Amino acid sequence: MNLPLTTPTRHDGHQHTEPTVDTTPPTRSKVSGILAAVACAACCALPLLIAAGVLTTAGAAILEKALFAVAAGLVVAALGMWWLHRRRSVQRAAAAAGASCGCGGGGCGC
C-alpha cells in the first residue's frame, strides 16, 4: 500500500495576514443619507400640503428651494464622510501592514 507523501511546511513563527479595509459606509454617513431622503420625501409632499391648505403656494415655493438645498447638502456630506472613512481605513490598513511584518513594505521577503 503506497501512501502519498506530504510536503513538510516550514513555519517561522509569524503570520502574514492582509489587514482588512472597511469599505462600508459609516453610521454618520447613513444617517445623513436617510435625512436627505426624508428631505426629498417632504419636498414631494408639498403638493399635498398645498391641497390640504396647510401651505400657501408662495410658502411652498420657498420651502421647496430650502428642502432641495438641504437634501443636496446632506447628500454631499454623506458622500464626503464615506470617502473620508474609506481613505482613513485604507491608510490604517497600509500602516498596519507595514508594522505587522518587520520585513518592510508590501513585498515581504522573509
N, C-alpha and C. Protein backbone atom coordinates (compact mmCIF):
# COMPACT_ATOMS: atom_id res chain seq x y z
N MET A 1 0.85 -1.15 0.00
CA MET A 1 0.00 0.00 0.00
C MET A 1 0.91 1.23 0.00
N ASN A 2 0.72 2.08 -1.00
CA ASN A 2 1.51 3.30 -1.09
C ASN A 2 0.67 4.50 -0.67
N LEU A 3 1.20 5.27 0.25
CA LEU A 3 0.53 6.48 0.69
C LEU A 3 1.28 7.69 0.12
N PRO A 4 0.56 8.70 -0.28
CA PRO A 4 1.25 9.88 -0.81
C PRO A 4 1.99 10.59 0.32
N LEU A 5 3.15 11.07 -0.05
CA LEU A 5 3.95 11.80 0.92
C LEU A 5 3.48 13.25 1.00
N THR A 6 3.44 13.76 2.19
CA THR A 6 3.08 15.17 2.35
C THR A 6 4.35 15.99 2.42
N THR A 7 4.30 17.13 1.79
CA THR A 7 5.45 18.01 1.81
C THR A 7 5.49 18.74 3.14
N PRO A 8 6.61 18.68 3.83
CA PRO A 8 6.69 19.38 5.11
C PRO A 8 6.63 20.90 4.88
N THR A 9 5.90 21.56 5.74
CA THR A 9 5.81 23.02 5.64
C THR A 9 6.66 23.63 6.73
N ARG A 10 7.29 24.72 6.38
CA ARG A 10 8.14 25.43 7.32
C ARG A 10 7.34 26.55 7.95
N HIS A 11 7.35 26.64 9.24
CA HIS A 11 6.64 27.70 9.95
C HIS A 11 7.68 28.46 10.75
N ASP A 12 7.86 29.73 10.41
CA ASP A 12 8.90 30.52 11.08
C ASP A 12 8.37 31.38 12.22
N GLY A 13 7.11 31.23 12.62
CA GLY A 13 6.63 31.91 13.81
C GLY A 13 5.80 33.16 13.59
N HIS A 14 5.85 33.78 12.44
CA HIS A 14 4.97 34.94 12.27
C HIS A 14 4.09 34.76 11.06
N GLN A 15 2.89 35.29 11.21
CA GLN A 15 1.89 35.14 10.17
C GLN A 15 1.89 36.37 9.29
N HIS A 16 1.56 36.17 8.04
CA HIS A 16 1.41 37.27 7.09
C HIS A 16 -0.06 37.35 6.71
N THR A 17 -0.78 38.23 7.39
CA THR A 17 -2.18 38.42 7.07
C THR A 17 -2.37 39.82 6.52
N GLU A 18 -3.21 39.91 5.54
CA GLU A 18 -3.51 41.21 4.95
C GLU A 18 -4.49 41.94 5.86
N PRO A 19 -4.18 43.17 6.23
CA PRO A 19 -5.16 43.92 7.02
C PRO A 19 -6.39 44.23 6.20
N THR A 20 -7.55 44.23 6.85
CA THR A 20 -8.78 44.46 6.13
C THR A 20 -9.07 45.94 6.00
N VAL A 21 -9.69 46.29 4.91
CA VAL A 21 -10.09 47.67 4.64
C VAL A 21 -11.60 47.73 4.76
N ASP A 22 -12.09 48.60 5.65
CA ASP A 22 -13.53 48.74 5.87
C ASP A 22 -14.10 49.66 4.80
N THR A 23 -14.90 49.10 3.88
CA THR A 23 -15.46 49.90 2.80
C THR A 23 -16.94 50.20 3.00
N THR A 24 -17.50 49.74 4.11
CA THR A 24 -18.91 50.01 4.36
C THR A 24 -19.08 51.46 4.82
N PRO A 25 -20.21 52.07 4.49
CA PRO A 25 -20.40 53.46 4.92
C PRO A 25 -20.53 53.54 6.44
N PRO A 26 -19.95 54.58 7.05
CA PRO A 26 -20.08 54.72 8.49
C PRO A 26 -21.51 55.13 8.88
N THR A 27 -21.82 55.01 10.14
CA THR A 27 -23.17 55.31 10.62
C THR A 27 -23.54 56.76 10.36
N ARG A 28 -22.60 57.68 10.57
CA ARG A 28 -22.92 59.10 10.35
C ARG A 28 -23.27 59.36 8.89
N SER A 29 -22.66 58.63 7.99
CA SER A 29 -22.98 58.79 6.57
C SER A 29 -24.36 58.22 6.26
N LYS A 30 -24.70 57.10 6.89
CA LYS A 30 -26.03 56.51 6.69
C LYS A 30 -27.12 57.44 7.21
N VAL A 31 -26.87 58.05 8.39
CA VAL A 31 -27.86 58.96 8.97
C VAL A 31 -28.05 60.17 8.07
N SER A 32 -26.96 60.70 7.55
CA SER A 32 -27.04 61.85 6.65
C SER A 32 -27.81 61.49 5.38
N GLY A 33 -27.59 60.30 4.86
CA GLY A 33 -28.33 59.84 3.68
C GLY A 33 -29.81 59.67 3.96
N ILE A 34 -30.14 59.15 5.14
CA ILE A 34 -31.55 58.98 5.50
C ILE A 34 -32.22 60.34 5.65
N LEU A 35 -31.53 61.30 6.26
CA LEU A 35 -32.10 62.64 6.40
C LEU A 35 -32.29 63.30 5.03
N ALA A 36 -31.38 63.04 4.09
CA ALA A 36 -31.55 63.57 2.73
C ALA A 36 -32.79 62.96 2.08
N ALA A 37 -33.02 61.67 2.29
CA ALA A 37 -34.21 61.02 1.73
C ALA A 37 -35.49 61.58 2.36
N VAL A 38 -35.43 61.88 3.66
CA VAL A 38 -36.60 62.47 4.32
C VAL A 38 -36.87 63.87 3.75
N ALA A 39 -35.82 64.64 3.51
CA ALA A 39 -36.00 65.97 2.92
C ALA A 39 -36.60 65.86 1.52
N CYS A 40 -36.18 64.86 0.75
CA CYS A 40 -36.75 64.66 -0.59
C CYS A 40 -38.23 64.25 -0.48
N ALA A 41 -38.55 63.39 0.48
CA ALA A 41 -39.94 62.98 0.66
C ALA A 41 -40.81 64.16 1.08
N ALA A 42 -40.27 65.02 1.93
CA ALA A 42 -41.02 66.21 2.34
C ALA A 42 -41.25 67.13 1.15
N CYS A 43 -40.27 67.22 0.28
CA CYS A 43 -40.42 68.05 -0.92
C CYS A 43 -41.51 67.48 -1.84
N CYS A 44 -41.58 66.17 -1.91
CA CYS A 44 -42.61 65.54 -2.73
C CYS A 44 -44.00 65.67 -2.10
N ALA A 45 -44.04 65.87 -0.79
CA ALA A 45 -45.33 66.01 -0.11
C ALA A 45 -45.88 67.43 -0.15
N LEU A 46 -45.13 68.37 -0.69
CA LEU A 46 -45.58 69.77 -0.74
C LEU A 46 -46.90 69.96 -1.47
N PRO A 47 -47.14 69.32 -2.62
CA PRO A 47 -48.43 69.50 -3.28
C PRO A 47 -49.61 69.04 -2.41
N LEU A 48 -49.39 68.00 -1.63
CA LEU A 48 -50.45 67.54 -0.73
C LEU A 48 -50.70 68.55 0.38
N LEU A 49 -49.64 69.18 0.86
CA LEU A 49 -49.79 70.19 1.91
C LEU A 49 -50.50 71.44 1.37
N ILE A 50 -50.24 71.77 0.11
CA ILE A 50 -50.94 72.90 -0.51
C ILE A 50 -52.42 72.57 -0.66
N ALA A 51 -52.72 71.36 -1.12
CA ALA A 51 -54.11 70.95 -1.32
C ALA A 51 -54.86 70.89 0.01
N ALA A 52 -54.16 70.53 1.07
CA ALA A 52 -54.80 70.46 2.38
C ALA A 52 -54.97 71.83 3.01
N GLY A 53 -54.36 72.84 2.42
CA GLY A 53 -54.48 74.19 2.94
C GLY A 53 -53.50 74.52 4.04
N VAL A 54 -52.51 73.65 4.26
CA VAL A 54 -51.50 73.89 5.29
C VAL A 54 -50.50 74.94 4.83
N LEU A 55 -50.17 74.93 3.54
CA LEU A 55 -49.19 75.86 2.98
C LEU A 55 -49.83 76.68 1.86
N THR A 56 -49.32 77.88 1.71
CA THR A 56 -49.70 78.66 0.53
C THR A 56 -48.75 78.31 -0.59
N THR A 57 -49.05 78.75 -1.77
CA THR A 57 -48.20 78.47 -2.91
C THR A 57 -46.84 79.14 -2.76
N ALA A 58 -46.84 80.38 -2.29
CA ALA A 58 -45.58 81.10 -2.10
C ALA A 58 -44.73 80.43 -1.01
N GLY A 59 -45.36 80.01 0.06
CA GLY A 59 -44.63 79.32 1.13
C GLY A 59 -44.06 78.00 0.66
N ALA A 60 -44.83 77.30 -0.17
CA ALA A 60 -44.35 76.03 -0.70
C ALA A 60 -43.18 76.23 -1.64
N ALA A 61 -43.20 77.31 -2.42
CA ALA A 61 -42.09 77.59 -3.33
C ALA A 61 -40.80 77.85 -2.56
N ILE A 62 -40.91 78.62 -1.49
CA ILE A 62 -39.73 78.90 -0.66
C ILE A 62 -39.26 77.63 0.04
N LEU A 63 -40.20 76.87 0.58
CA LEU A 63 -39.85 75.63 1.27
C LEU A 63 -39.24 74.61 0.32
N GLU A 64 -39.73 74.58 -0.91
CA GLU A 64 -39.18 73.65 -1.91
C GLU A 64 -37.71 73.93 -2.17
N LYS A 65 -37.37 75.20 -2.35
CA LYS A 65 -35.97 75.57 -2.61
C LYS A 65 -35.09 75.23 -1.40
N ALA A 66 -35.62 75.50 -0.20
CA ALA A 66 -34.85 75.21 1.01
C ALA A 66 -34.64 73.70 1.19
N LEU A 67 -35.70 72.92 0.97
CA LEU A 67 -35.58 71.47 1.11
C LEU A 67 -34.63 70.88 0.07
N PHE A 68 -34.67 71.42 -1.14
CA PHE A 68 -33.75 70.95 -2.17
C PHE A 68 -32.30 71.23 -1.78
N ALA A 69 -32.05 72.42 -1.25
CA ALA A 69 -30.69 72.78 -0.82
C ALA A 69 -30.23 71.91 0.36
N VAL A 70 -31.13 71.67 1.30
CA VAL A 70 -30.79 70.84 2.45
C VAL A 70 -30.50 69.41 2.01
N ALA A 71 -31.34 68.87 1.14
CA ALA A 71 -31.13 67.50 0.65
C ALA A 71 -29.82 67.37 -0.11
N ALA A 72 -29.53 68.35 -0.96
CA ALA A 72 -28.27 68.31 -1.71
C ALA A 72 -27.08 68.41 -0.77
N GLY A 73 -27.17 69.28 0.23
CA GLY A 73 -26.08 69.40 1.20
C GLY A 73 -25.87 68.13 2.00
N LEU A 74 -26.96 67.48 2.39
CA LEU A 74 -26.85 66.23 3.13
C LEU A 74 -26.26 65.11 2.29
N VAL A 75 -26.62 65.05 1.02
CA VAL A 75 -26.05 64.03 0.14
C VAL A 75 -24.55 64.24 -0.04
N VAL A 76 -24.16 65.49 -0.25
CA VAL A 76 -22.73 65.79 -0.39
C VAL A 76 -21.99 65.46 0.90
N ALA A 77 -22.58 65.79 2.05
CA ALA A 77 -21.95 65.48 3.33
C ALA A 77 -21.83 63.96 3.53
N ALA A 78 -22.87 63.22 3.19
CA ALA A 78 -22.83 61.76 3.35
C ALA A 78 -21.74 61.14 2.47
N LEU A 79 -21.68 61.57 1.22
CA LEU A 79 -20.65 61.03 0.33
C LEU A 79 -19.25 61.44 0.78
N GLY A 80 -19.10 62.65 1.25
CA GLY A 80 -17.81 63.11 1.74
C GLY A 80 -17.36 62.34 2.97
N MET A 81 -18.28 62.07 3.89
CA MET A 81 -17.93 61.30 5.09
C MET A 81 -17.57 59.86 4.73
N TRP A 82 -18.27 59.29 3.77
CA TRP A 82 -17.96 57.93 3.34
C TRP A 82 -16.57 57.88 2.69
N TRP A 83 -16.28 58.86 1.84
CA TRP A 83 -14.98 58.91 1.18
C TRP A 83 -13.87 59.06 2.23
N LEU A 84 -14.06 59.96 3.18
CA LEU A 84 -13.06 60.17 4.22
C LEU A 84 -12.87 58.93 5.07
N HIS A 85 -13.96 58.23 5.38
CA HIS A 85 -13.87 56.99 6.15
C HIS A 85 -13.07 55.93 5.39
N ARG A 86 -13.35 55.78 4.10
CA ARG A 86 -12.62 54.78 3.30
C ARG A 86 -11.14 55.15 3.20
N ARG A 87 -10.85 56.43 3.03
CA ARG A 87 -9.46 56.88 2.91
C ARG A 87 -8.69 56.60 4.19
N ARG A 88 -9.30 56.91 5.34
CA ARG A 88 -8.64 56.66 6.61
C ARG A 88 -8.48 55.16 6.86
N SER A 89 -9.47 54.37 6.46
CA SER A 89 -9.39 52.93 6.65
C SER A 89 -8.26 52.32 5.82
N VAL A 90 -8.11 52.80 4.60
CA VAL A 90 -7.02 52.31 3.74
C VAL A 90 -5.68 52.71 4.32
N GLN A 91 -5.57 53.93 4.83
CA GLN A 91 -4.31 54.38 5.42
C GLN A 91 -3.98 53.57 6.67
N ARG A 92 -5.00 53.28 7.50
CA ARG A 92 -4.75 52.46 8.69
C ARG A 92 -4.31 51.06 8.30
N ALA A 93 -4.94 50.49 7.28
CA ALA A 93 -4.58 49.14 6.84
C ALA A 93 -3.16 49.12 6.28
N ALA A 94 -2.79 50.17 5.54
CA ALA A 94 -1.44 50.23 4.99
C ALA A 94 -0.41 50.38 6.10
N ALA A 95 -0.73 51.17 7.11
CA ALA A 95 0.19 51.34 8.23
C ALA A 95 0.31 50.05 9.03
N ALA A 96 -0.80 49.33 9.19
CA ALA A 96 -0.77 48.07 9.91
C ALA A 96 0.02 47.01 9.14
N ALA A 97 -0.07 47.04 7.82
CA ALA A 97 0.67 46.07 7.01
C ALA A 97 2.16 46.31 7.13
N GLY A 98 2.55 47.58 7.18
CA GLY A 98 3.98 47.89 7.32
C GLY A 98 4.50 47.58 8.70
N ALA A 99 3.65 47.69 9.72
CA ALA A 99 4.09 47.47 11.09
C ALA A 99 4.02 46.00 11.50
N SER A 100 3.18 45.21 10.85
CA SER A 100 3.00 43.82 11.28
C SER A 100 4.16 42.93 10.89
N CYS A 101 4.84 43.26 9.86
CA CYS A 101 5.96 42.44 9.40
C CYS A 101 7.22 43.28 9.44
N GLY A 102 8.24 42.78 10.02
CA GLY A 102 9.49 43.53 10.12
C GLY A 102 10.28 43.54 8.84
N CYS A 103 9.72 43.03 7.78
CA CYS A 103 10.45 42.94 6.53
C CYS A 103 10.32 44.22 5.72
N GLY A 104 9.42 45.12 6.11
CA GLY A 104 9.24 46.37 5.39
C GLY A 104 8.27 46.23 4.25
N GLY A 105 7.70 47.34 3.83
CA GLY A 105 6.88 47.48 2.63
C GLY A 105 5.87 46.37 2.39
N GLY A 106 5.40 46.33 1.14
CA GLY A 106 4.40 45.36 0.77
C GLY A 106 4.98 43.99 0.42
N GLY A 107 6.15 43.95 -0.20
CA GLY A 107 6.74 42.67 -0.60
C GLY A 107 7.58 42.09 0.52
N CYS A 108 7.03 41.15 1.23
CA CYS A 108 7.73 40.58 2.38
C CYS A 108 8.65 39.46 1.89
N GLY A 109 9.89 39.58 2.17
CA GLY A 109 10.86 38.59 1.71
C GLY A 109 11.37 37.71 2.82
N CYS A 110 10.57 37.45 3.84
CA CYS A 110 11.03 36.64 4.98
C CYS A 110 11.25 35.20 4.57
